[in-house]
N, C-alpha and C. Protein backbone atom coordinates (compact mmCIF):
# COMPACT_ATOMS: atom_id res chain seq x y z
N MET A 1 24.97 1.10 -8.58
CA MET A 1 24.52 1.02 -7.04
C MET A 1 24.47 2.31 -6.41
N LYS A 2 25.14 3.17 -6.96
CA LYS A 2 24.97 4.76 -5.82
C LYS A 2 23.91 5.10 -6.54
N LYS A 3 23.15 5.48 -6.94
CA LYS A 3 21.54 5.68 -7.81
C LYS A 3 20.63 5.10 -6.65
N ILE A 4 20.74 3.92 -6.86
CA ILE A 4 19.80 2.95 -5.81
C ILE A 4 20.10 2.91 -4.34
N ILE A 5 21.13 3.28 -3.83
CA ILE A 5 21.31 4.00 -2.63
C ILE A 5 20.60 5.04 -2.55
N LEU A 6 20.98 6.12 -3.09
CA LEU A 6 21.00 7.08 -3.37
C LEU A 6 18.83 7.41 -2.80
N THR A 7 17.94 7.04 -4.07
CA THR A 7 17.00 6.24 -4.09
C THR A 7 16.18 6.05 -2.58
N ILE A 8 16.99 5.10 -2.32
CA ILE A 8 16.24 4.58 -0.83
C ILE A 8 16.40 5.43 0.17
N ALA A 9 17.42 5.98 -0.05
CA ALA A 9 17.76 7.33 1.57
C ALA A 9 16.71 8.52 1.04
N ILE A 10 16.40 8.24 0.03
CA ILE A 10 15.02 9.91 -0.26
C ILE A 10 13.95 9.10 -0.05
N VAL A 11 13.40 7.95 -0.50
CA VAL A 11 12.42 7.33 0.00
C VAL A 11 11.86 7.26 1.69
N LEU A 12 13.35 6.57 2.30
CA LEU A 12 13.26 6.27 3.79
C LEU A 12 13.40 7.63 5.03
N GLY A 13 13.92 8.73 3.82
CA GLY A 13 13.88 10.09 4.71
C GLY A 13 13.06 11.20 4.57
N GLY A 14 12.06 10.58 3.35
CA GLY A 14 11.34 11.45 3.13
C GLY A 14 9.79 11.32 4.20
N LEU A 15 9.57 9.55 4.41
CA LEU A 15 8.44 8.99 5.00
C LEU A 15 8.18 10.08 6.40
N GLY A 16 9.28 10.93 7.34
CA GLY A 16 9.00 11.84 8.19
C GLY A 16 8.59 12.67 8.18
N VAL A 17 8.37 13.42 6.57
CA VAL A 17 7.58 14.42 6.23
C VAL A 17 5.91 14.18 6.49
N PHE A 18 5.44 12.94 6.55
CA PHE A 18 4.17 12.51 6.40
C PHE A 18 3.30 12.56 7.78
N ALA A 19 4.56 12.35 9.23
CA ALA A 19 4.27 12.62 9.98
C ALA A 19 3.18 13.88 10.89
N GLN A 20 2.38 13.40 11.63
CA GLN A 20 1.56 15.10 11.82
C GLN A 20 1.37 14.81 13.51
N PRO A 21 1.36 15.69 14.08
CA PRO A 21 1.77 16.65 15.46
C PRO A 21 0.63 15.65 16.56
N THR A 22 0.47 15.56 17.28
CA THR A 22 -0.26 14.86 18.24
C THR A 22 -1.01 15.89 18.25
N PRO A 23 -2.94 15.31 18.72
CA PRO A 23 -3.73 16.38 18.91
C PRO A 23 -3.49 16.97 20.61
N PRO A 24 -3.93 18.28 20.70
CA PRO A 24 -3.98 18.62 21.71
C PRO A 24 -4.68 18.01 22.93
N THR A 25 -4.06 18.16 24.33
CA THR A 25 -4.61 17.09 25.44
C THR A 25 -5.46 17.83 26.48
N GLY A 26 -6.03 19.22 25.95
CA GLY A 26 -6.24 19.96 26.91
C GLY A 26 -7.86 19.73 26.89
N SER A 27 -8.59 20.28 27.65
CA SER A 27 -10.28 19.81 28.57
C SER A 27 -10.86 20.72 27.00
N THR A 28 -10.06 21.79 26.28
CA THR A 28 -11.06 22.19 25.45
C THR A 28 -10.73 21.74 23.55
N GLY A 29 -9.35 21.40 23.60
CA GLY A 29 -8.69 20.92 22.39
C GLY A 29 -8.97 22.39 21.37
N HIS A 30 -8.72 22.37 20.00
CA HIS A 30 -8.84 23.19 19.24
C HIS A 30 -10.29 23.71 19.32
N THR A 31 -11.31 22.82 19.31
CA THR A 31 -12.41 23.34 18.55
C THR A 31 -13.51 23.58 20.06
N GLY A 32 -13.22 23.07 20.90
CA GLY A 32 -14.42 23.59 22.24
C GLY A 32 -14.98 22.33 22.25
N ALA A 33 -14.84 21.18 21.47
CA ALA A 33 -15.84 20.08 21.49
C ALA A 33 -15.75 19.03 22.96
N GLY A 34 -14.51 19.71 23.71
CA GLY A 34 -14.71 18.87 24.57
C GLY A 34 -13.23 17.85 24.54
N GLN A 35 -12.99 17.44 25.19
CA GLN A 35 -11.89 16.11 24.79
C GLN A 35 -12.20 15.02 24.28
N ASN A 36 -13.58 14.39 24.26
CA ASN A 36 -14.16 13.27 23.74
C ASN A 36 -14.29 13.54 22.30
N GLY A 37 -14.48 15.07 21.68
CA GLY A 37 -15.40 15.21 20.70
C GLY A 37 -13.83 15.28 19.52
N PRO A 38 -14.20 15.03 18.42
CA PRO A 38 -13.64 14.94 17.19
C PRO A 38 -12.65 15.83 17.05
N ILE A 39 -11.51 15.95 16.78
CA ILE A 39 -10.36 17.12 16.14
C ILE A 39 -11.16 17.80 14.74
N GLY A 40 -11.26 18.51 15.03
CA GLY A 40 -11.88 19.96 13.67
C GLY A 40 -13.32 19.80 13.92
N GLY A 41 -14.06 19.44 15.14
CA GLY A 41 -15.42 19.60 15.09
C GLY A 41 -16.24 18.81 14.58
N GLY A 42 -17.17 18.76 14.67
CA GLY A 42 -18.41 17.92 14.26
C GLY A 42 -19.19 18.25 12.98
N ALA A 43 -18.30 18.75 11.82
CA ALA A 43 -18.32 19.44 10.76
C ALA A 43 -19.44 18.29 10.01
N PRO A 44 -20.92 18.81 9.45
CA PRO A 44 -21.71 18.34 8.85
C PRO A 44 -21.28 18.12 7.65
N ILE A 45 -21.12 17.01 7.03
CA ILE A 45 -21.06 16.55 5.35
C ILE A 45 -22.39 15.98 4.51
N ASP A 46 -23.11 15.89 4.99
CA ASP A 46 -24.04 15.30 4.45
C ASP A 46 -24.79 16.44 3.47
N GLY A 47 -25.17 17.47 3.46
CA GLY A 47 -25.73 18.74 2.72
C GLY A 47 -24.71 18.79 1.48
N GLY A 48 -23.39 18.88 1.63
CA GLY A 48 -22.39 18.89 0.46
C GLY A 48 -22.46 17.67 -0.41
N LEU A 49 -22.32 16.49 0.49
CA LEU A 49 -22.52 15.38 -0.13
C LEU A 49 -23.35 14.79 -1.34
N SER A 50 -24.57 15.22 -0.53
CA SER A 50 -25.78 15.07 -1.30
C SER A 50 -25.55 15.60 -2.88
N ILE A 51 -25.74 17.44 -2.25
CA ILE A 51 -25.41 18.09 -3.69
C ILE A 51 -24.25 17.62 -4.75
N LEU A 52 -23.07 16.81 -4.21
CA LEU A 52 -21.81 16.53 -5.16
C LEU A 52 -22.75 15.32 -5.65
N LEU A 53 -23.23 14.55 -5.36
CA LEU A 53 -23.83 13.18 -6.07
C LEU A 53 -25.17 14.02 -7.27
N ALA A 54 -25.63 14.50 -6.47
CA ALA A 54 -27.04 15.25 -7.55
C ALA A 54 -26.06 15.52 -8.75
N MET A 55 -25.40 16.31 -8.66
CA MET A 55 -24.46 17.07 -9.72
C MET A 55 -23.82 16.04 -10.88
N GLY A 56 -23.05 15.46 -9.90
CA GLY A 56 -22.59 14.01 -10.62
C GLY A 56 -23.58 13.43 -11.36
N ALA A 57 -24.96 12.79 -11.22
CA ALA A 57 -25.60 12.59 -11.61
C ALA A 57 -26.43 13.30 -13.11
N ILE A 58 -26.78 14.38 -12.76
CA ILE A 58 -27.11 15.47 -13.91
C ILE A 58 -25.71 15.54 -15.09
N TYR A 59 -24.79 15.49 -14.55
CA TYR A 59 -23.50 15.94 -15.69
C TYR A 59 -23.41 14.53 -16.21
N ALA A 60 -23.73 13.24 -15.63
CA ALA A 60 -23.94 12.05 -16.44
C ALA A 60 -24.87 11.84 -16.93
N ALA A 61 -25.90 12.02 -16.81
CA ALA A 61 -26.96 11.67 -18.28
C ALA A 61 -27.26 13.00 -19.00
N THR A 62 -26.43 14.14 -18.90
CA THR A 62 -26.48 14.82 -19.77
C THR A 62 -25.51 14.44 -20.83
N LYS A 63 -24.00 13.45 -20.46
CA LYS A 63 -23.53 13.50 -21.43
C LYS A 63 -23.89 11.87 -21.76
N VAL A 64 -24.36 11.16 -21.21
CA VAL A 64 -25.05 10.05 -22.50
C VAL A 64 -26.29 10.59 -22.82
N TYR A 65 -27.07 11.79 -22.77
CA TYR A 65 -28.00 11.89 -23.71
C TYR A 65 -27.21 12.92 -24.79
N GLN A 66 -26.20 12.97 -24.68
CA GLN A 66 -25.74 13.84 -25.92
C GLN A 66 -24.71 12.72 -27.06
N ILE A 67 -24.37 11.95 -26.15
CA ILE A 67 -23.55 10.52 -26.87
C ILE A 67 -25.08 10.06 -27.84
N LYS A 68 -26.08 10.04 -27.01
CA LYS A 68 -27.50 9.07 -27.97
C LYS A 68 -27.50 9.98 -28.96
N ILE A 69 -27.86 11.39 -28.75
CA ILE A 69 -28.14 12.10 -29.96
C ILE A 69 -27.00 12.22 -31.21
N LYS A 70 -25.65 12.13 -30.56
CA LYS A 70 -24.76 12.12 -32.16
C LYS A 70 -24.48 10.73 -32.84
N LYS A 71 -25.31 9.50 -31.65
CA LYS A 71 -25.27 8.10 -32.46
C LYS A 71 -26.28 8.43 -33.52
N ALA A 72 -27.59 9.18 -33.06
CA ALA A 72 -28.73 9.12 -33.75
C ALA A 72 -28.63 9.97 -35.17
N GLU A 73 -27.88 10.89 -34.97
CA GLU A 73 -27.80 11.97 -36.22
C GLU A 73 -27.04 11.28 -37.05
N ALA A 74 -25.89 10.38 -37.17
CA ALA A 74 -24.96 9.71 -37.96
C ALA A 74 -25.69 8.24 -38.73
């Protein structure tokens, strides 16, 4: 019974660790994007995401080709 109570206390006590502070309410915030801008700025993700998807497709195609060659040899 003590183990269960201790486990519940640890789980419930640890929930506060995941809380994040509220963003600043100043006119410029952290990024200078203004009060209505996103926190962290407007970082573009399109270029990196496209490259990541292309590299994943190339990797998958290479693995499929290698498996096809192994089956042909056997």
